[in-house]
C-alpha atoms as a PDB file:
ATOM      1  CA  UNK A   1      -8.870 -15.842 -23.730  1.00  0.00           C
ATOM      2  CA  UNK A   2      -6.618 -16.013 -20.791  1.00  0.00           C
ATOM      3  CA  UNK A   3      -5.798 -12.573 -21.952  1.00  0.00           C
ATOM      4  CA  UNK A   4      -9.813 -11.409 -21.568  1.00  0.00           C
ATOM      5  CA  UNK A   5      -9.964 -13.004 -18.668  1.00  0.00           C
ATOM      6  CA  UNK A   6      -7.130 -11.224 -16.904  1.00  0.00           C
ATOM      7  CA  UNK A   7      -8.301  -8.140 -18.499  1.00  0.00           C
ATOM      8  CA  UNK A   8     -12.288  -8.969 -16.605  1.00  0.00           C
ATOM      9  CA  UNK A   9     -10.412  -9.571 -13.534  1.00  0.00           C
ATOM     10  CA  UNK A  10      -8.089  -6.341 -13.297  1.00  0.00           C
ATOM     11  CA  UNK A  11     -11.408  -4.347 -13.859  1.00  0.00           C
ATOM     12  CA  UNK A  12     -13.740  -6.386 -11.266  1.00  0.00           C
ATOM     13  CA  UNK A  13     -11.018  -5.316  -9.029  1.00  0.00           C
ATOM     14  CA  UNK A  14     -11.677  -1.848  -9.291  1.00  0.00           C
ATOM     15  CA  UNK A  15     -15.787  -1.854  -9.783  1.00  0.00           C
ATOM     16  CA  UNK A  16     -15.797  -4.277  -6.640  1.00  0.00           C
ATOM     17  CA  UNK A  17     -14.519  -1.592  -4.964  1.00  0.00           C
ATOM     18  CA  UNK A  18     -15.970   1.290  -5.858  1.00  0.00           C
ATOM     19  CA  UNK A  19     -19.634  -0.090  -5.527  1.00  0.00           C
ATOM     20  CA  UNK A  20     -18.313  -0.830  -1.998  1.00  0.00           C
ATOM     21  CA  UNK A  21     -17.932   2.797  -1.650  1.00  0.00           C
ATOM     22  CA  UNK A  22     -20.710   4.207  -3.822  1.00  0.00           C
ATOM     23  CA  UNK A  23     -23.211   2.102  -1.486  1.00  0.00           C
ATOM     24  CA  UNK A  24     -21.999   3.379   1.367  1.00  0.00           C
ATOM     25  CA  UNK A  25     -23.754   7.168   2.327  1.00  0.00           C
ATOM     26  CA  UNK A  26     -21.099   9.588   1.737  1.00  0.00           C
ATOM     27  CA  UNK A  27     -21.902  10.647   5.932  1.00  0.00           C
ATOM     28  CA  UNK A  28     -20.506   6.993   6.588  1.00  0.00           C
ATOM     29  CA  UNK A  29     -17.813   6.838   4.664  1.00  0.00           C
ATOM     30  CA  UNK A  30     -14.346   7.920   6.685  1.00  0.00           C
ATOM     31  CA  UNK A  31     -11.561   8.347   4.294  1.00  0.00           C
ATOM     32  CA  UNK A  32      -7.836   9.970   5.042  1.00  0.00           C
ATOM     33  CA  UNK A  33      -7.916  12.769   3.660  1.00  0.00           C
ATOM     34  CA  UNK A  34      -4.810  15.694   2.153  1.00  0.00           C
ATOM     35  CA  UNK A  35      -4.338  18.383  -0.251  1.00  0.00           C
ATOM     36  CA  UNK A  36      -3.820  17.591  -4.010  1.00  0.00           C
ATOM     37  CA  UNK A  37      -2.568  19.501  -6.542  1.00  0.00           C
ATOM     38  CA  UNK A  38      -5.243  18.496  -8.834  1.00  0.00           C
ATOM     39  CA  UNK A  39      -7.938  16.650  -8.233  1.00  0.00           C
ATOM     40  CA  UNK A  40      -9.296  13.694  -9.437  1.00  0.00           C
ATOM     41  CA  UNK A  41     -12.246  15.619 -11.520  1.00  0.00           C
ATOM     42  CA  UNK A  42      -9.547  18.013 -12.782  1.00  0.00           C
ATOM     43  CA  UNK A  43      -7.250  15.577 -14.194  1.00  0.00           C
ATOM     44  CA  UNK A  44     -10.316  13.959 -16.005  1.00  0.00           C
ATOM     45  CA  UNK A  45     -10.720  17.239 -17.516  1.00  0.00           C
ATOM     46  CA  UNK A  46      -6.959  17.927 -19.088  1.00  0.00           C
ATOM     47  CA  UNK A  47      -6.731  14.135 -19.792  1.00  0.00           C
ATOM     48  CA  UNK A  48      -4.245  13.667 -17.386  1.00  0.00           C
ATOM     49  CA  UNK A  49      -3.596  10.662 -15.959  1.00  0.00           C
ATOM     50  CA  UNK A  50      -4.593   8.936 -12.762  1.00  0.00           C
ATOM     51  CA  UNK A  51      -2.970   6.619 -10.457  1.00  0.00           C
ATOM     52  CA  UNK A  52      -4.891   4.392  -7.639  1.00  0.00           C
ATOM     53  CA  UNK A  53      -2.929   1.813  -5.662  1.00  0.00           C
ATOM     54  CA  UNK A  54      -5.606  -1.085  -4.416  1.00  0.00           C
ATOM     55  CA  UNK A  55      -4.343  -2.800  -1.305  1.00  0.00           C
ATOM     56  CA  UNK A  56      -6.034  -6.223  -0.185  1.00  0.00           C
ATOM     57  CA  UNK A  57      -4.746  -6.865   3.285  1.00  0.00           C
ATOM     58  CA  UNK A  58      -6.062  -9.433   6.094  1.00  0.00           C
ATOM     59  CA  UNK A  59      -5.626  -7.553   9.403  1.00  0.00           C
ATOM     60  CA  UNK A  60      -7.194  -9.582  12.348  1.00  0.00           C
ATOM     61  CA  UNK A  61      -9.519  -7.631  14.244  1.00  0.00           C
ATOM     62  CA  UNK A  62      -7.667  -4.996  16.474  1.00  0.00           C
ATOM     63  CA  UNK A  63      -4.784  -4.504  13.988  1.00  0.00           C
ATOM     64  CA  UNK A  64      -4.591  -1.334  12.430  1.00  0.00           C
ATOM     65  CA  UNK A  65      -2.067  -2.483   9.380  1.00  0.00           C
ATOM     66  CA  UNK A  66      -1.195  -5.423   7.905  1.00  0.00           C
ATOM     67  CA  UNK A  67       1.000  -6.563   5.416  1.00  0.00           C
ATOM     68  CA  UNK A  68      -0.917  -6.572   1.562  1.00  0.00           C
ATOM     69  CA  UNK A  69      -1.549 -10.049  -0.032  1.00  0.00           C
ATOM     70  CA  UNK A  70      -2.694  -8.071  -3.264  1.00  0.00           C
ATOM     71  CA  UNK A  71      -1.036  -4.902  -4.655  1.00  0.00           C
ATOM     72  CA  UNK A  72      -3.099  -3.314  -8.078  1.00  0.00           C
ATOM     73  CA  UNK A  73      -2.329  -0.086  -9.383  1.00  0.00           C
ATOM     74  CA  UNK A  74      -4.766   1.281 -11.472  1.00  0.00           C
ATOM     75  CA  UNK A  75      -3.630   3.507 -13.927  1.00  0.00           C
ATOM     76  CA  UNK A  76      -5.798   5.351 -15.722  1.00  0.00           C
ATOM     77  CA  UNK A  77      -6.082   7.420 -18.641  1.00  0.00           C
ATOM     78  CA  UNK A  78      -8.890   9.666 -19.473  1.00  0.00           C
ATOM     79  CA  UNK A  79      -6.751  11.548 -23.167  1.00  0.00           C
ATOM     80  CA  UNK A  80      -6.563   8.017 -24.696  1.00  0.00           C
ATOM     81  CA  UNK A  81      -9.649   6.391 -22.861  1.00  0.00           C
ATOM     82  CA  UNK A  82      -7.567   3.527 -21.646  1.00  0.00           C
ATOM     83  CA  UNK A  83      -6.478   1.938 -18.223  1.00  0.00           C
ATOM     84  CA  UNK A  84      -4.045  -0.711 -17.202  1.00  0.00           C
ATOM     85  CA  UNK A  85      -4.224  -2.631 -14.555  1.00  0.00           C
ATOM     86  CA  UNK A  86      -0.977  -3.978 -13.056  1.00  0.00           C
ATOM     87  CA  UNK A  87      -1.164  -6.781 -10.634  1.00  0.00           C
ATOM     88  CA  UNK A  88       2.208  -6.661  -8.419  1.00  0.00           C
ATOM     89  CA  UNK A  89       3.258 -10.062  -6.284  1.00  0.00           C
ATOM     90  CA  UNK A  90       4.162  -9.391  -3.250  1.00  0.00           C
ATOM     91  CA  UNK A  91       6.826 -10.869  -2.810  1.00  0.00           C
ATOM     92  CA  UNK A  92       8.542  -8.420  -5.362  1.00  0.00           C
ATOM     93  CA  UNK A  93      12.407  -7.451  -3.939  1.00  0.00           C
ATOM     94  CA  UNK A  94      12.757  -3.567  -3.197  1.00  0.00           C
ATOM     95  CA  UNK A  95      16.155  -2.462  -3.972  1.00  0.00           C
ATOM     96  CA  UNK A  96      16.160  -0.224  -0.417  1.00  0.00           C
ATOM     97  CA  UNK A  97      14.927  -2.223   2.426  1.00  0.00           C
ATOM     98  CA  UNK A  98      12.065  -1.296   4.292  1.00  0.00           C
ATOM     99  CA  UNK A  99      12.670  -1.674   8.561  1.00  0.00           C
ATOM    100  CA  UNK A 100      15.155  -4.055   7.641  1.00  0.00           C
ATOM    101  CA  UNK A 101      12.191  -5.982   4.453  1.00  0.00           C
ATOM    102  CA  UNK A 102      13.017  -6.369   1.169  1.00  0.00           C
ATOM    103  CA  UNK A 103       9.337  -7.463   0.053  1.00  0.00           C
ATOM    104  CA  UNK A 104       7.439  -4.828  -1.202  1.00  0.00           C
ATOM    105  CA  UNK A 105       4.436  -6.340   1.112  1.00  0.00           C
ATOM    106  CA  UNK A 106       5.888  -5.101   4.058  1.00  0.00           C
ATOM    107  CA  UNK A 107       5.436  -1.486   2.918  1.00  0.00           C
ATOM    108  CA  UNK A 108       2.049  -1.029   4.127  1.00  0.00           C
ATOM    109  CA  UNK A 109       2.520  -2.597   7.485  1.00  0.00           C
ATOM    110  CA  UNK A 110       5.809  -0.748   8.597  1.00  0.00           C
ATOM    111  CA  UNK A 111       4.951   2.663   6.462  1.00  0.00           C
ATOM    112  CA  UNK A 112       1.099   3.081   5.921  1.00  0.00           C
ATOM    113  CA  UNK A 113      -1.333   3.524   2.195  1.00  0.00           C
ATOM    114  CA  UNK A 114       1.132   6.161   1.296  1.00  0.00           C
ATOM    115  CA  UNK A 115       4.005   5.370   1.956  1.00  0.00           C
ATOM    116  CA  UNK A 116       3.225   1.995  -0.364  1.00  0.00           C
ATOM    117  CA  UNK A 117       1.822   4.529  -3.265  1.00  0.00           C
ATOM    118  CA  UNK A 118       5.313   6.226  -3.260  1.00  0.00           C
ATOM    119  CA  UNK A 119       6.997   2.846  -2.908  1.00  0.00           C
ATOM    120  CA  UNK A 120       4.771   1.342  -6.069  1.00  0.00           C
ATOM    121  CA  UNK A 121       5.006   4.780  -8.002  1.00  0.00           C
ATOM    122  CA  UNK A 122       8.713   4.255  -8.157  1.00  0.00           C
ATOM    123  CA  UNK A 123       9.162   1.007  -8.795  1.00  0.00           C
ATOM    124  CA  UNK A 124       6.887   1.642 -12.407  1.00  0.00           C
ATOM    125  CA  UNK A 125       7.658   4.969 -12.896  1.00  0.00           C
ATOM    126  CA  UNK A 126       4.846   7.192 -11.980  1.00  0.00           C
ATOM    127  CA  UNK A 127       3.131   9.436  -9.731  1.00  0.00           C
ATOM    128  CA  UNK A 128       0.655   7.186  -7.431  1.00  0.00           C
ATOM    129  CA  UNK A 129      -1.428   9.799  -5.475  1.00  0.00           C
ATOM    130  CA  UNK A 130      -4.821   7.438  -5.081  1.00  0.00           C
ATOM    131  CA  UNK A 131      -5.091   4.418  -2.628  1.00  0.00           C
ATOM    132  CA  UNK A 132      -8.117   1.764  -1.198  1.00  0.00           C
ATOM    133  CA  UNK A 133      -7.030  -0.745   0.925  1.00  0.00           C
ATOM    134  CA  UNK A 134      -9.280  -3.360   1.085  1.00  0.00           C
ATOM    135  CA  UNK A 135      -9.539  -5.666   4.285  1.00  0.00           C
ATOM    136  CA  UNK A 136     -10.283  -9.647   3.293  1.00  0.00           C
ATOM    137  CA  UNK A 137     -10.467 -10.738   6.312  1.00  0.00           C
ATOM    138  CA  UNK A 138     -13.660  -9.073   6.833  1.00  0.00           C
ATOM    139  CA  UNK A 139     -14.785 -10.585   4.164  1.00  0.00           C
ATOM    140  CA  UNK A 140     -15.405 -13.765   5.837  1.00  0.00           C
ATOM    141  CA  UNK A 141     -18.808 -12.235   7.287  1.00  0.00           C
ATOM    142  CA  UNK A 142     -19.409 -10.287   4.490  1.00  0.00           C
ATOM    143  CA  UNK A 143     -18.884 -13.818   2.200  1.00  0.00           C
ATOM    144  CA  UNK A 144     -21.680 -15.647   5.028  1.00  0.00           C
ATOM    145  CA  UNK A 145     -24.358 -12.928   4.312  1.00  0.00           C
ATOM    146  CA  UNK A 146     -24.241 -13.290   0.801  1.00  0.00           C
ATOM    147  CA  UNK A 147     -24.851 -16.456   1.249  1.00  0.00           C
ATOM    148  CA  UNK A 148     -22.009 -18.188   0.202  1.00  0.00           C
ATOM    149  CA  UNK A 149     -20.146 -18.506  -3.061  1.00  0.00           C
ATOM    150  CA  UNK A 150     -19.537 -20.983  -6.121  1.00  0.00           C
ATOM    151  CA  UNK A 151     -15.493 -21.459  -7.418  1.00  0.00           C
ATOM    152  CA  UNK A 152     -13.819 -23.198  -9.443  1.00  0.00           C
ATOM    153  CA  UNK A 153     -11.015 -24.623  -7.152  1.00  0.00           C
ATOM    154  CA  UNK A 154      -7.736 -25.339  -8.910  1.00  0.00           C
ATOM    155  CA  UNK A 155      -6.151 -27.314  -5.943  1.00  0.00           C
ATOM    156  CA  UNK A 156      -6.257 -29.696  -3.126  1.00  0.00           C
ATOM    157  CA  UNK A 157      -6.671 -27.887  -0.062  1.00  0.00           C
ATOM    158  CA  UNK A 158      -6.223 -29.161   3.553  1.00  0.00           C
ATOM    159  CA  UNK A 159      -6.070 -26.944   6.789  1.00  0.00           C
ATOM    160  CA  UNK A 160      -6.232 -28.812  10.010  1.00  0.00           C
ATOM    161  CA  UNK A 161      -6.167 -25.056  12.079  1.00  0.00           C
ATOM    162  CA  UNK A 162      -9.187 -23.391  10.118  1.00  0.00           C
ATOM    163  CA  UNK A 163     -10.593 -26.732   9.791  1.00  0.00           C
ATOM    164  CA  UNK A 164     -11.379 -26.511   5.502  1.00  0.00           C
ATOM    165  CA  UNK A 165     -10.737 -29.396   3.246  1.00  0.00           C
ATOM    166  CA  UNK A 166     -11.422 -28.731   0.269  1.00  0.00           C
ATOM    167  CA  UNK A 167     -10.850 -30.582  -3.509  1.00  0.00           C
ATOM    168  CA  UNK A 168     -10.484 -29.514  -6.645  1.00  0.00           C
ATOM    169  CA  UNK A 169     -14.134 -28.803  -8.882  1.00  0.00           C
ATOM    170  CA  UNK A 170     -16.782 -26.427  -8.969  1.00  0.00           C
ATOM    171  CA  UNK A 171     -18.298 -26.058  -5.428  1.00  0.00           C
ATOM    172  CA  UNK A 172     -19.901 -23.807  -2.904  1.00  0.00           C
ATOM    173  CA  UNK A 173     -18.016 -22.212  -0.407  1.00  0.00           C
ATOM    174  CA  UNK A 174     -18.702 -20.368   2.991  1.00  0.00           C
ATOM    175  CA  UNK A 175     -16.683 -17.638   4.402  1.00  0.00           C
ATOM    176  CA  UNK A 176     -14.243 -19.103   5.904  1.00  0.00           C
ATOM    177  CA  UNK A 177     -13.652 -21.659   3.666  1.00  0.00           C
ATOM    178  CA  UNK A 178     -13.146 -18.545   0.599  1.00  0.00           C
ATOM    179  CA  UNK A 179     -10.854 -16.981   3.123  1.00  0.00           C
ATOM    180  CA  UNK A 180      -8.527 -19.802   3.494  1.00  0.00           C
ATOM    181  CA  UNK A 181      -8.361 -20.081  -0.263  1.00  0.00           C
ATOM    182  CA  UNK A 182      -7.886 -17.225  -1.217  1.00  0.00           C
ATOM    183  CA  UNK A 183      -5.108 -16.966   1.224  1.00  0.00           C
ATOM    184  CA  UNK A 184      -3.357 -20.035   0.510  1.00  0.00           C
ATOM    185  CA  UNK A 185      -0.017 -20.171  -1.478  1.00  0.00           C
ATOM    186  CA  UNK A 186       1.336 -23.552   0.001  1.00  0.00           C
ATOM    187  CA  UNK A 187       2.372 -24.779  -3.996  1.00  0.00           C
ATOM    188  CA  UNK A 188       4.532 -24.944  -6.404  1.00  0.00           C
ATOM    189  CA  UNK A 189       3.306 -21.656  -7.620  1.00  0.00           C
ATOM    190  CA  UNK A 190       3.298 -20.117  -4.074  1.00  0.00           C
ATOM    191  CA  UNK A 191       2.521 -16.104  -4.302  1.00  0.00           C
ATOM    192  CA  UNK A 192       1.628 -15.822  -8.057  1.00  0.00           C
ATOM    193  CA  UNK A 193      -0.490 -18.971  -7.681  1.00  0.00           C
ATOM    194  CA  UNK A 194      -2.261 -17.104  -4.699  1.00  0.00           C
ATOM    195  CA  UNK A 195      -2.615 -13.868  -6.870  1.00  0.00           C
ATOM    196  CA  UNK A 196      -4.432 -15.813  -9.886  1.00  0.00           C
ATOM    197  CA  UNK A 197      -6.902 -17.328  -6.942  1.00  0.00           C
ATOM    198  CA  UNK A 198      -7.526 -13.828  -5.538  1.00  0.00           C
ATOM    199  CA  UNK A 199      -8.688 -13.183  -8.935  1.00  0.00           C
ATOM    200  CA  UNK A 200     -10.871 -15.488  -9.698  1.00  0.00           C
ATOM    201  CA  UNK A 201     -12.191 -14.679  -6.246  1.00  0.00           C
ATOM    202  CA  UNK A 202     -12.547 -11.133  -6.968  1.00  0.00           C
ATOM    203  CA  UNK A 203     -14.561 -12.056 -10.185  1.00  0.00           C
ATOM    204  CA  UNK A 204     -16.476 -14.581  -8.773  1.00  0.00           C
ATOM    205  CA  UNK A 205     -17.740 -12.107  -6.125  1.00  0.00           C
ATOM    206  CA  UNK A 206     -18.106  -9.329  -8.531  1.00  0.00           C
ATOM    207  CA  UNK A 207     -20.533 -11.606 -10.935  1.00  0.00           C
ATOM    208  CA  UNK A 208     -22.491 -12.717  -7.594  1.00  0.00           C
ATOM    209  CA  UNK A 209     -23.231  -9.294  -6.300  1.00  0.00           C
ATOM    210  CA  UNK A 210     -25.000  -8.480  -9.678  1.00  0.00           C
ATOM    211  CA  UNK A 211     -27.726 -10.860  -8.992  1.00  0.00           C
ATOM    212  CA  UNK A 212     -30.668  -8.773  -8.241  1.00  0.00           C
ATOM    213  CA  UNK A 213     -31.461 -11.281  -5.738  1.00  0.00           C
ATOM    214  CA  UNK A 214     -27.702 -11.022  -3.970  1.00  0.00           C
ATOM    215  CA  UNK A 215     -28.184  -7.284  -4.578  1.00  0.00           C
ATOM    216  CA  UNK A 216     -30.965  -6.532  -2.076  1.00  0.00           C
ATOM    217  CA  UNK A 217     -28.722  -7.875   1.331  1.00  0.00           C
ATOM    218  CA  UNK A 218     -26.235  -5.239   0.794  1.00  0.00           C
ATOM    219  CA  UNK A 219     -27.525  -2.776   2.599  1.00  0.00           C
ATOM    220  CA  UNK A 220     -27.344  -4.972   5.762  1.00  0.00           C
ATOM    221  CA  UNK A 221     -23.624  -5.150   4.818  1.00  0.00           C
ATOM    222  CA  UNK A 222     -22.789  -1.693   5.018  1.00  0.00           C
ATOM    223  CA  UNK A 223     -21.592  -1.503   9.074  1.00  0.00           C
ATOM    224  CA  UNK A 224     -18.449  -4.349   7.645  1.00  0.00           C
ATOM    225  CA  UNK A 225     -18.142  -2.185   4.233  1.00  0.00           C
ATOM    226  CA  UNK A 226     -17.355   0.378   5.978  1.00  0.00           C
ATOM    227  CA  UNK A 227     -15.032  -1.741   8.078  1.00  0.00           C
ATOM    228  CA  UNK A 228     -13.289  -2.889   5.590  1.00  0.00           C
ATOM    229  CA  UNK A 229     -12.757  -0.421   2.994  1.00  0.00           C
ATOM    230  CA  UNK A 230     -10.682   2.989   3.620  1.00  0.00           C
ATOM    231  CA  UNK A 231      -9.016   5.088   1.032  1.00  0.00           C
ATOM    232  CA  UNK A 232      -7.880   8.297   0.485  1.00  0.00           C
ATOM    233  CA  UNK A 233     -10.396   9.490  -2.624  1.00  0.00           C
ATOM    234  CA  UNK A 234     -12.838  11.591  -1.681  1.00  0.00           C
ATOM    235  CA  UNK A 235     -16.162  10.956  -2.460  1.00  0.00           C
ATOM    236  CA  UNK A 236     -16.625  13.231  -5.318  1.00  0.00           C
ATOM    237  CA  UNK A 237     -13.997  11.855  -6.996  1.00  0.00           C
ATOM    238  CA  UNK A 238     -15.542   8.342  -6.378  1.00  0.00           C
ATOM    239  CA  UNK A 239     -18.704   9.372  -8.455  1.00  0.00           C
ATOM    240  CA  UNK A 240     -16.414  10.921 -10.965  1.00  0.00           C
ATOM    241  CA  UNK A 241     -14.494   7.562 -11.680  1.00  0.00           C
ATOM    242  CA  UNK A 242     -17.811   5.524 -11.933  1.00  0.00           C
ATOM    243  CA  UNK A 243     -19.070   8.586 -14.972  1.00  0.00           C
ATOM    244  CA  UNK A 244     -16.034   6.731 -16.697  1.00  0.00           C
ATOM    245  CA  UNK A 245     -18.089   4.408 -19.057  1.00  0.00           C
ATOM    246  CA  UNK A 246     -14.861   3.336 -20.992  1.00  0.00           C
ATOM    247  CA  UNK A 247     -13.999   1.601 -17.608  1.00  0.00           C
ATOM    248  CA  UNK A 248     -16.334  -1.250 -18.444  1.00  0.00           C
ATOM    249  CA  UNK A 249     -15.123  -1.568 -21.820  1.00  0.00           C
ATOM    250  CA  UNK A 250     -12.659  -5.012 -21.599  1.00  0.00           C
ATOM    251  CA  UNK A 251     -11.798  -2.936 -25.039  1.00  0.00           C
ATOM    252  CA  UNK A 252     -10.470   0.077 -23.058  1.00  0.00           C
ATOM    253  CA  UNK A 253      -9.180  -1.907 -20.434  1.00  0.00           C
ATOM    254  CA  UNK A 254      -5.617  -4.043 -20.275  1.00  0.00           C
ATOM    255  CA  UNK A 255      -4.249  -6.467 -17.265  1.00  0.00           C
ATOM    256  CA  UNK A 256      -0.955  -7.696 -16.639  1.00  0.00           C
ATOM    257  CA  UNK A 257       1.077  -9.293 -14.140  1.00  0.00           C
ATOM    258  CA  UNK A 258       4.542  -7.715 -13.205  1.00  0.00           C
ATOM    259  CA  UNK A 259       6.763 -10.214 -15.148  1.00  0.00           C
ATOM    260  CA  UNK A 260       9.876 -11.236 -12.805  1.00  0.00           C
ATOM    261  CA  UNK A 261      10.998 -14.447 -11.670  1.00  0.00           C
ATOM    262  CA  UNK A 262      12.327 -15.909  -8.547  1.00  0.00           C
ATOM    263  CA  UNK A 263      15.061 -15.813  -6.951  1.00  0.00           C
ATOM    264  CA  UNK A 264      15.541 -19.361  -5.918  1.00  0.00           C
ATOM    265  CA  UNK A 265      17.924 -18.560  -2.478  1.00  0.00           C
ATOM    266  CA  UNK A 266      15.105 -19.327  -0.374  1.00  0.00           C
ATOM    267  CA  UNK A 267      14.070 -15.731   0.445  1.00  0.00           C
ATOM    268  CA  UNK A 268      11.112 -16.430  -2.281  1.00  0.00           C
ATOM    269  CA  UNK A 269      11.639 -13.139  -3.484  1.00  0.00           C
ATOM    270  CA  UNK A 270      10.110 -12.083  -7.336  1.00  0.00           C
ATOM    271  CA  UNK A 271      12.919 -10.008  -8.800  1.00  0.00           C
ATOM    272  CA  UNK A 272      11.661  -7.615 -11.363  1.00  0.00           C
ATOM    273  CA  UNK A 273      13.507  -6.148 -14.355  1.00  0.00           C
ATOM    274  CA  UNK A 274      13.838  -1.786 -13.725  1.00  0.00           C
ATOM    275  CA  UNK A 275      13.646  -0.899 -16.989  1.00  0.00           C
ATOM    276  CA  UNK A 276      10.520  -3.862 -17.682  1.00  0.00           C
ATOM    277  CA  UNK A 277       8.744  -2.233 -14.561  1.00  0.00           C
ATOM    278  CA  UNK A 278       9.071   1.370 -15.527  1.00  0.00           C
ATOM    279  CA  UNK A 279       7.889   0.241 -19.066  1.00  0.00           C
ATOM    280  CA  UNK A 280       4.951  -1.901 -18.233  1.00  0.00           C
ATOM    281  CA  UNK A 281       1.970   0.593 -18.502  1.00  0.00           C
ATOM    282  CA  UNK A 282       2.998   2.101 -21.355  1.00  0.00           C
ATOM    283  CA  UNK A 283       3.491  -0.909 -23.199  1.00  0.00           C
ATOM    284  CA  UNK A 284       0.774  -2.932 -22.214  1.00  0.00           C
ATOM    285  CA  UNK A 285      -1.330   0.069 -23.199  1.00  0.00           C
ATOM    286  CA  UNK A 286       0.234  -0.117 -26.206  1.00  0.00           C
ATOM    287  CA  UNK A 287      -0.761  -3.763 -27.319  1.00  0.00           C
ATOM    288  CA  UNK A 288       2.235  -5.369 -25.728  1.00  0.00           C
ATOM    289  CA  UNK A 289       1.760  -8.898 -23.637  1.00  0.00           C
ATOM    290  CA  UNK A 290       4.594  -9.939 -20.949  1.00  0.00           C
ATOM    291  CA  UNK A 291       4.977 -13.874 -19.863  1.00  0.00           C
ATOM    292  CA  UNK A 292       4.583 -13.222 -16.063  1.00  0.00           C
ATOM    293  CA  UNK A 293       7.596 -15.616 -15.392  1.00  0.00           C
ATOM    294  CA  UNK A 294      10.564 -14.655 -17.333  1.00  0.00           C
ATOM    295  CA  UNK A 295      13.725 -16.480 -17.230  1.00  0.00           C
ATOM    296  CA  UNK A 296      16.240 -15.132 -15.195  1.00  0.00           C
END
């Protein structure tokens, strides 16, 4: 059951981001672009792997960059019509620091999404050319415009600074409450627990906007969606991805949080075995599943 749920959560992330971008008019979609050796359409035709890094950030108004709260490598394999969704804990320790920081979530902040693609590619042993950056901070207003969101809250949360007080159980949350819930990490599970809550939020949001009545509200959200999604994937390539029907079949998609362990040194690093990291995509596609928390 947890495995099937994880599959749906990983797939929900890509579908949600694609939906947000595809509903926007092409003339409104602003993205960074560069020359690729092969387009996504060519890769699909040739059966070559497509790797997309999804970065969830919490940039405040006026901020151009931010540390990534969520990092997901979406690895699509047209030759076998399967995809792997690898969730990378934000505290994953780098071998080489970026501006003095060894945590992988600092890469986007200091060097931008292109560098984040390079670092994640080196970690997982794949070529990552494409990225999607989603600003969750801007989703507070979007959630309110959608009428709030029903979520199963798994923790008791009290934040005097934001005046948010949540108790365990299923309840209806407004935008501010949702944002605080998905960013909260002051629990024993820390980053891993927050990643699970973010996955739960994305799945609930996708389910919510699939309601025809809610879908009617999406055009009103265009300005905020455009401000909060950035990608280097051309619009035509987005359409090509959208037409890959097997990505919507849970039997063809597999999710896995990058396994590792806390270093217990006070620095809160997530330590990953390099060999496991470089083999995790192929292993997951072959049906292998890892326990998220490994022994040192």
